[in-house]
Amino acid sequence: MDLIKEEIKELVTQMNYIYENKYSNATLNDEINYYLFLCEKEDAIQTKYEKSVEEVLYSKYYWFSKFKNTYEMENGEDAGICQIQYKILEEIDQRLENGVDWEEIKAIENMVI
């Protein structure tokens, strides 16, 4: 499955997403904004760029996992952030007919680490 990774910056710009500076670390800002962009613009991404719901959902998981790992490297583990990651998995499980593809999750985890 293709994840929305390389083209994410271009999509953010094309769709006029309002980028927020939540952290002093630029990488953290990029990663959380990419996740929030996918959440906010999910329907438009699927329609305008012909991305499947699976691509968007697993891309949300990808970007949030990257954010979580970067955040934890700087600040240590945060239970609230871990909880959000689990909620993304619950969303995938509820919205996709076949539930979570654990092989895909494992592949994403391996790319993130």
N, C-alpha and C. Protein backbone atom coordinates (compact mmCIF):
# COMPACT_ATOMS: atom_id res chain seq x y z
N MET A 1 0.84 -1.18 0.00
CA MET A 1 0.00 0.00 0.00
C MET A 1 0.89 1.24 0.00
N ASP A 2 0.47 2.22 -0.76
CA ASP A 2 1.20 3.48 -0.80
C ASP A 2 0.75 4.36 0.36
N LEU A 3 1.72 4.92 1.04
CA LEU A 3 1.44 5.90 2.08
C LEU A 3 1.65 7.30 1.51
N ILE A 4 0.97 8.24 2.09
CA ILE A 4 1.14 9.63 1.67
C ILE A 4 2.33 10.19 2.43
N LYS A 5 3.50 10.11 1.79
CA LYS A 5 4.74 10.54 2.45
C LYS A 5 5.46 11.59 1.62
N GLU A 6 5.98 11.17 0.47
CA GLU A 6 6.80 12.07 -0.32
C GLU A 6 6.03 13.30 -0.80
N GLU A 7 4.75 13.10 -1.12
CA GLU A 7 3.97 14.21 -1.68
C GLU A 7 3.23 15.03 -0.62
N ILE A 8 3.45 14.73 0.66
CA ILE A 8 2.68 15.39 1.71
C ILE A 8 2.88 16.91 1.72
N LYS A 9 4.11 17.38 1.56
CA LYS A 9 4.36 18.83 1.58
C LYS A 9 3.59 19.52 0.46
N GLU A 10 3.60 18.91 -0.71
CA GLU A 10 2.90 19.48 -1.86
C GLU A 10 1.39 19.51 -1.62
N LEU A 11 0.84 18.45 -1.06
CA LEU A 11 -0.59 18.42 -0.77
C LEU A 11 -0.98 19.48 0.24
N VAL A 12 -0.17 19.62 1.28
CA VAL A 12 -0.43 20.64 2.31
C VAL A 12 -0.51 22.02 1.67
N THR A 13 0.41 22.31 0.78
CA THR A 13 0.44 23.60 0.10
C THR A 13 -0.75 23.76 -0.84
N GLN A 14 -1.00 22.75 -1.65
CA GLN A 14 -2.09 22.83 -2.64
C GLN A 14 -3.46 22.98 -1.98
N MET A 15 -3.63 22.40 -0.81
CA MET A 15 -4.94 22.42 -0.16
C MET A 15 -5.07 23.54 0.87
N ASN A 16 -4.08 24.44 0.87
CA ASN A 16 -4.12 25.62 1.74
C ASN A 16 -4.34 25.28 3.21
N TYR A 17 -3.68 24.25 3.66
CA TYR A 17 -3.75 23.88 5.07
C TYR A 17 -3.02 24.94 5.90
N ILE A 18 -3.61 25.32 7.00
CA ILE A 18 -3.00 26.32 7.88
C ILE A 18 -2.07 25.59 8.85
N TYR A 19 -0.80 25.78 8.61
CA TYR A 19 0.27 25.12 9.36
C TYR A 19 0.39 25.79 10.72
N GLU A 20 0.44 24.99 11.78
CA GLU A 20 0.55 25.52 13.13
C GLU A 20 1.92 25.18 13.72
N ASN A 21 2.51 26.14 14.39
CA ASN A 21 3.77 25.92 15.09
C ASN A 21 3.46 25.63 16.55
N LYS A 22 3.38 24.36 16.87
CA LYS A 22 3.03 23.92 18.22
C LYS A 22 4.27 23.66 19.07
N TYR A 23 5.39 23.39 18.42
CA TYR A 23 6.62 23.01 19.11
C TYR A 23 7.78 23.85 18.60
N SER A 24 8.83 23.95 19.43
CA SER A 24 10.01 24.68 18.99
C SER A 24 10.85 23.85 18.02
N ASN A 25 10.64 22.55 18.00
CA ASN A 25 11.35 21.64 17.10
C ASN A 25 10.62 21.58 15.75
N ALA A 26 11.31 21.93 14.68
CA ALA A 26 10.71 21.96 13.34
C ALA A 26 10.23 20.58 12.89
N THR A 27 10.96 19.54 13.22
CA THR A 27 10.57 18.18 12.83
C THR A 27 9.26 17.79 13.50
N LEU A 28 9.15 18.07 14.81
CA LEU A 28 7.89 17.79 15.52
C LEU A 28 6.73 18.54 14.88
N ASN A 29 6.96 19.81 14.54
CA ASN A 29 5.91 20.60 13.89
C ASN A 29 5.49 20.00 12.57
N ASP A 30 6.45 19.60 11.76
CA ASP A 30 6.11 18.99 10.47
C ASP A 30 5.29 17.73 10.68
N GLU A 31 5.76 16.85 11.53
CA GLU A 31 5.10 15.55 11.70
C GLU A 31 3.69 15.70 12.26
N ILE A 32 3.49 16.54 13.27
CA ILE A 32 2.14 16.69 13.82
C ILE A 32 1.23 17.40 12.83
N ASN A 33 1.76 18.36 12.09
CA ASN A 33 0.93 19.05 11.10
C ASN A 33 0.54 18.13 9.95
N TYR A 34 1.41 17.25 9.54
CA TYR A 34 1.04 16.30 8.48
C TYR A 34 -0.08 15.38 8.96
N TYR A 35 0.03 14.93 10.20
CA TYR A 35 -1.04 14.11 10.77
C TYR A 35 -2.36 14.89 10.84
N LEU A 36 -2.30 16.11 11.36
CA LEU A 36 -3.51 16.93 11.50
C LEU A 36 -4.10 17.28 10.13
N PHE A 37 -3.25 17.52 9.16
CA PHE A 37 -3.70 17.78 7.79
C PHE A 37 -4.49 16.59 7.26
N LEU A 38 -3.98 15.38 7.45
CA LEU A 38 -4.68 14.18 6.98
C LEU A 38 -6.02 14.01 7.68
N CYS A 39 -6.08 14.38 8.95
CA CYS A 39 -7.34 14.30 9.68
C CYS A 39 -8.34 15.34 9.16
N GLU A 40 -7.88 16.56 9.01
CA GLU A 40 -8.75 17.67 8.62
C GLU A 40 -9.22 17.57 7.17
N LYS A 41 -8.36 17.14 6.30
CA LYS A 41 -8.63 17.16 4.86
C LYS A 41 -8.87 15.77 4.28
N GLU A 42 -9.19 14.82 5.10
CA GLU A 42 -9.32 13.43 4.65
C GLU A 42 -10.25 13.27 3.45
N ASP A 43 -11.45 13.80 3.54
CA ASP A 43 -12.41 13.64 2.43
C ASP A 43 -11.92 14.29 1.15
N ALA A 44 -11.37 15.48 1.27
CA ALA A 44 -10.87 16.19 0.09
C ALA A 44 -9.69 15.46 -0.54
N ILE A 45 -8.82 14.90 0.27
CA ILE A 45 -7.68 14.14 -0.24
C ILE A 45 -8.18 12.93 -1.03
N GLN A 46 -9.17 12.25 -0.50
CA GLN A 46 -9.71 11.07 -1.18
C GLN A 46 -10.36 11.46 -2.50
N THR A 47 -11.08 12.56 -2.50
CA THR A 47 -11.81 12.97 -3.69
C THR A 47 -10.88 13.59 -4.73
N LYS A 48 -10.14 14.60 -4.33
CA LYS A 48 -9.32 15.37 -5.28
C LYS A 48 -8.10 14.60 -5.78
N TYR A 49 -7.50 13.81 -4.90
CA TYR A 49 -6.26 13.12 -5.27
C TYR A 49 -6.44 11.61 -5.42
N GLU A 50 -7.69 11.16 -5.36
CA GLU A 50 -8.03 9.76 -5.56
C GLU A 50 -7.23 8.82 -4.67
N LYS A 51 -7.12 9.19 -3.41
CA LYS A 51 -6.47 8.33 -2.42
C LYS A 51 -7.56 7.51 -1.74
N SER A 52 -7.26 6.27 -1.46
CA SER A 52 -8.23 5.40 -0.79
C SER A 52 -8.28 5.73 0.70
N VAL A 53 -9.36 5.30 1.33
CA VAL A 53 -9.49 5.49 2.77
C VAL A 53 -8.35 4.77 3.49
N GLU A 54 -7.95 3.60 2.99
CA GLU A 54 -6.83 2.87 3.59
C GLU A 54 -5.54 3.68 3.53
N GLU A 55 -5.27 4.27 2.37
CA GLU A 55 -4.06 5.09 2.24
C GLU A 55 -4.04 6.23 3.24
N VAL A 56 -5.18 6.88 3.39
CA VAL A 56 -5.25 8.02 4.31
C VAL A 56 -5.12 7.55 5.76
N LEU A 57 -5.83 6.51 6.13
CA LEU A 57 -5.79 6.04 7.51
C LEU A 57 -4.40 5.54 7.91
N TYR A 58 -3.78 4.75 7.05
CA TYR A 58 -2.45 4.26 7.39
C TYR A 58 -1.41 5.37 7.32
N SER A 59 -1.65 6.38 6.50
CA SER A 59 -0.76 7.55 6.47
C SER A 59 -0.90 8.36 7.76
N LYS A 60 -2.11 8.45 8.28
CA LYS A 60 -2.30 9.09 9.59
C LYS A 60 -1.47 8.37 10.65
N TYR A 61 -1.57 7.05 10.63
CA TYR A 61 -0.81 6.27 11.61
C TYR A 61 0.70 6.49 11.41
N TYR A 62 1.14 6.50 10.17
CA TYR A 62 2.56 6.70 9.86
C TYR A 62 3.06 8.03 10.43
N TRP A 63 2.35 9.13 10.09
CA TRP A 63 2.83 10.45 10.52
C TRP A 63 2.72 10.63 12.03
N PHE A 64 1.67 10.09 12.63
CA PHE A 64 1.58 10.22 14.08
C PHE A 64 2.65 9.39 14.77
N SER A 65 2.96 8.22 14.22
CA SER A 65 4.01 7.38 14.81
C SER A 65 5.37 8.07 14.71
N LYS A 66 5.63 8.71 13.58
CA LYS A 66 6.87 9.48 13.45
C LYS A 66 6.92 10.59 14.49
N PHE A 67 5.80 11.32 14.64
CA PHE A 67 5.71 12.38 15.64
C PHE A 67 5.98 11.81 17.04
N LYS A 68 5.30 10.72 17.37
CA LYS A 68 5.44 10.10 18.70
C LYS A 68 6.89 9.73 18.97
N ASN A 69 7.54 9.11 18.01
CA ASN A 69 8.94 8.71 18.21
C ASN A 69 9.85 9.91 18.38
N THR A 70 9.67 10.94 17.58
CA THR A 70 10.49 12.14 17.70
C THR A 70 10.23 12.81 19.06
N TYR A 71 8.97 12.91 19.43
CA TYR A 71 8.60 13.53 20.70
C TYR A 71 9.24 12.77 21.86
N GLU A 72 9.14 11.44 21.84
CA GLU A 72 9.67 10.65 22.93
C GLU A 72 11.19 10.70 23.01
N MET A 73 11.87 10.85 21.88
CA MET A 73 13.32 10.98 21.90
C MET A 73 13.73 12.27 22.62
N GLU A 74 12.92 13.31 22.49
CA GLU A 74 13.24 14.60 23.12
C GLU A 74 12.71 14.72 24.54
N ASN A 75 11.53 14.16 24.79
CA ASN A 75 10.82 14.45 26.04
C ASN A 75 10.50 13.24 26.90
N GLY A 76 10.74 12.05 26.42
CA GLY A 76 10.35 10.86 27.14
C GLY A 76 8.93 10.45 26.78
N GLU A 77 8.53 9.31 27.29
CA GLU A 77 7.21 8.77 26.96
C GLU A 77 6.10 9.65 27.52
N ASP A 78 5.03 9.75 26.75
CA ASP A 78 3.85 10.52 27.15
C ASP A 78 2.63 9.63 26.95
N ALA A 79 1.94 9.33 28.04
CA ALA A 79 0.79 8.42 27.98
C ALA A 79 -0.31 8.96 27.07
N GLY A 80 -0.52 10.26 27.05
CA GLY A 80 -1.55 10.86 26.20
C GLY A 80 -1.26 10.66 24.73
N ILE A 81 0.00 10.78 24.36
CA ILE A 81 0.39 10.57 22.96
C ILE A 81 0.22 9.10 22.59
N CYS A 82 0.61 8.20 23.49
CA CYS A 82 0.43 6.77 23.23
C CYS A 82 -1.05 6.45 23.05
N GLN A 83 -1.89 7.09 23.84
CA GLN A 83 -3.33 6.85 23.75
C GLN A 83 -3.88 7.29 22.40
N ILE A 84 -3.40 8.41 21.88
CA ILE A 84 -3.84 8.87 20.56
C ILE A 84 -3.44 7.86 19.48
N GLN A 85 -2.24 7.32 19.60
CA GLN A 85 -1.80 6.32 18.62
C GLN A 85 -2.73 5.11 18.64
N TYR A 86 -3.12 4.67 19.82
CA TYR A 86 -4.06 3.54 19.93
C TYR A 86 -5.42 3.91 19.35
N LYS A 87 -5.84 5.14 19.52
CA LYS A 87 -7.12 5.58 18.96
C LYS A 87 -7.08 5.55 17.43
N ILE A 88 -5.94 5.85 16.85
CA ILE A 88 -5.81 5.77 15.40
C ILE A 88 -5.99 4.32 14.96
N LEU A 89 -5.40 3.39 15.70
CA LEU A 89 -5.58 1.97 15.40
C LEU A 89 -7.04 1.56 15.52
N GLU A 90 -7.72 2.07 16.54
CA GLU A 90 -9.15 1.79 16.69
C GLU A 90 -9.95 2.33 15.51
N GLU A 91 -9.58 3.53 15.05
CA GLU A 91 -10.26 4.12 13.90
C GLU A 91 -10.07 3.24 12.66
N ILE A 92 -8.85 2.79 12.45
CA ILE A 92 -8.57 1.90 11.31
C ILE A 92 -9.42 0.63 11.43
N ASP A 93 -9.44 0.05 12.62
CA ASP A 93 -10.19 -1.19 12.83
C ASP A 93 -11.69 -1.01 12.59
N GLN A 94 -12.23 0.12 13.01
CA GLN A 94 -13.66 0.38 12.86
C GLN A 94 -14.05 0.74 11.43
N ARG A 95 -13.18 1.46 10.74
CA ARG A 95 -13.56 1.99 9.43
C ARG A 95 -13.25 1.07 8.26
N LEU A 96 -12.32 0.17 8.43
CA LEU A 96 -11.96 -0.72 7.33
C LEU A 96 -12.66 -2.06 7.50
N GLU A 97 -13.20 -2.54 6.42
CA GLU A 97 -13.97 -3.78 6.44
C GLU A 97 -13.20 -4.94 7.05
N ASN A 98 -11.93 -5.06 6.72
CA ASN A 98 -11.11 -6.16 7.22
C ASN A 98 -10.33 -5.82 8.47
N GLY A 99 -10.60 -4.66 9.07
CA GLY A 99 -9.91 -4.27 10.29
C GLY A 99 -8.46 -3.88 10.03
N VAL A 100 -7.70 -3.92 11.08
CA VAL A 100 -6.28 -3.51 11.02
C VAL A 100 -5.47 -4.58 10.31
N ASP A 101 -4.65 -4.14 9.38
CA ASP A 101 -3.68 -5.02 8.73
C ASP A 101 -2.39 -4.92 9.56
N TRP A 102 -2.19 -5.90 10.42
CA TRP A 102 -1.06 -5.83 11.36
C TRP A 102 0.29 -5.91 10.65
N GLU A 103 0.33 -6.51 9.49
CA GLU A 103 1.57 -6.53 8.71
C GLU A 103 1.91 -5.11 8.24
N GLU A 104 0.89 -4.37 7.84
CA GLU A 104 1.09 -2.97 7.43
C GLU A 104 1.55 -2.13 8.62
N ILE A 105 0.95 -2.35 9.77
CA ILE A 105 1.35 -1.62 10.98
C ILE A 105 2.80 -1.95 11.33
N LYS A 106 3.15 -3.21 11.25
CA LYS A 106 4.53 -3.62 11.54
C LYS A 106 5.49 -2.96 10.55
N ALA A 107 5.13 -2.90 9.28
CA ALA A 107 5.98 -2.26 8.28
C ALA A 107 6.13 -0.78 8.58
N ILE A 108 5.03 -0.14 8.97
CA ILE A 108 5.10 1.29 9.32
C ILE A 108 5.99 1.47 10.54
N GLU A 109 5.81 0.65 11.54
CA GLU A 109 6.65 0.75 12.75
C GLU A 109 8.12 0.60 12.40
N ASN A 110 8.43 -0.30 11.51
CA ASN A 110 9.82 -0.52 11.12
C ASN A 110 10.38 0.67 10.34
N MET A 111 9.53 1.35 9.55
CA MET A 111 9.98 2.54 8.82
C MET A 111 10.19 3.71 9.76
N VAL A 112 9.36 3.79 10.79
CA VAL A 112 9.40 4.91 11.72
C VAL A 112 10.59 4.83 12.64
N ILE A 113 10.92 3.64 13.08
CA ILE A 113 11.99 3.47 14.08
C ILE A 113 13.35 3.73 13.51
